[in-house]
Amino acid sequence: MKLLSVAGSPKRWLATINNHIFDAKETASVEVPGGRVRLQVIEIGSNYADVVIEGTGVAKRITLSQEK
C-alpha cells in the first residue's frame, strides 16, 4: 500500500492511496498485490494517512516516503 500524494489544506486534506483519492473518514477498496482490500481512512495530515484495513481493526500510518 502506498501513499502517493496529499493535497488540500489542514481543514480538508485528500490522500491518494494506490491510485484512489480518499477524504478523511472514507472507506473504499484499493488494488494491492494479490487482490483488493478495503481501507478506512481515519485521519490525513500533510504527509501521512492513518488507515485501518477492514477486518484487522489495526490502525496503520503510511507516509509519503513509505511503501508496503
Protein backbone atom coordinates (compact mmCIF):
# COMPACT_ATOMS: atom_id res chain seq x y z
CA MET A 1 0.00 0.00 0.00
CA LYS A 2 1.44 3.37 -0.96
CA LEU A 3 0.52 6.96 -0.16
CA LEU A 4 1.14 8.72 -3.48
CA SER A 5 0.13 12.27 -2.57
CA VAL A 6 -1.62 14.55 -0.09
CA ALA A 7 -3.38 17.69 -1.29
CA GLY A 8 -5.64 20.33 0.20
CA SER A 9 -5.33 22.22 3.46
CA PRO A 10 -5.41 21.44 7.18
CA LYS A 11 -9.20 21.87 7.12
CA ARG A 12 -9.62 19.26 4.35
CA TRP A 13 -6.79 17.02 3.24
CA LEU A 14 -7.21 14.49 0.44
CA ALA A 15 -4.91 11.48 0.16
CA THR A 16 -4.15 9.39 -2.91
CA ILE A 17 -3.53 5.80 -1.82
CA ASN A 18 -2.83 3.19 -4.50
CA ASN A 19 -4.39 5.45 -7.16
CA HIS A 20 -7.63 6.08 -5.20
CA ILE A 21 -8.38 9.54 -3.78
CA PHE A 22 -9.66 9.44 -0.19
CA ASP A 23 -11.22 12.04 2.08
CA ALA A 24 -10.85 11.58 5.85
CA LYS A 25 -13.34 9.04 7.26
CA GLU A 26 -13.87 7.48 3.81
CA THR A 27 -13.89 3.72 3.21
CA ALA A 28 -13.14 2.18 -0.20
CA SER A 29 -11.44 -0.76 -1.88
CA VAL A 30 -7.96 -0.42 -3.34
CA GLU A 31 -5.89 -2.73 -5.52
CA VAL A 32 -2.88 -4.35 -3.83
CA PRO A 33 -0.59 -7.15 -4.97
CA GLY A 34 -2.67 -10.30 -4.69
CA GLY A 35 -6.12 -8.67 -4.83
CA ARG A 36 -8.14 -5.89 -3.26
CA VAL A 37 -8.53 -4.66 0.32
CA ARG A 38 -11.00 -2.25 1.89
CA LEU A 39 -9.41 0.68 3.70
CA GLN A 40 -10.96 3.13 6.09
CA VAL A 41 -9.06 6.39 6.29
CA ILE A 42 -9.09 7.65 9.87
CA GLU A 43 -7.01 10.81 9.55
CA ILE A 44 -4.97 12.63 6.91
CA GLY A 45 -2.10 15.04 7.60
CA SER A 46 0.25 16.99 5.38
CA ASN A 47 2.47 13.95 4.74
CA TYR A 48 0.63 10.92 6.17
CA ALA A 49 -2.64 8.98 6.26
CA ASP A 50 -3.83 6.82 9.14
CA VAL A 51 -5.79 3.84 7.81
CA VAL A 52 -7.44 0.65 9.04
CA ILE A 53 -7.54 -2.37 6.76
CA GLU A 54 -11.03 -3.84 7.03
CA GLY A 55 -11.12 -6.97 9.12
CA THR A 56 -7.92 -6.26 11.05
CA GLY A 57 -9.04 -3.50 13.40
CA VAL A 58 -5.42 -2.30 13.49
CA ALA A 59 -4.57 1.31 12.60
CA LYS A 60 -1.52 1.90 10.44
CA ARG A 61 0.20 5.15 9.44
CA ILE A 62 1.50 5.40 5.90
CA THR A 63 3.68 8.31 4.86
CA LEU A 64 4.68 9.82 1.54
CA SER A 65 8.06 8.10 1.69
CA GLN A 66 6.80 4.70 2.88
CA GLU A 67 5.80 1.82 0.60
CA LYS A 68 4.36 -1.58 1.52
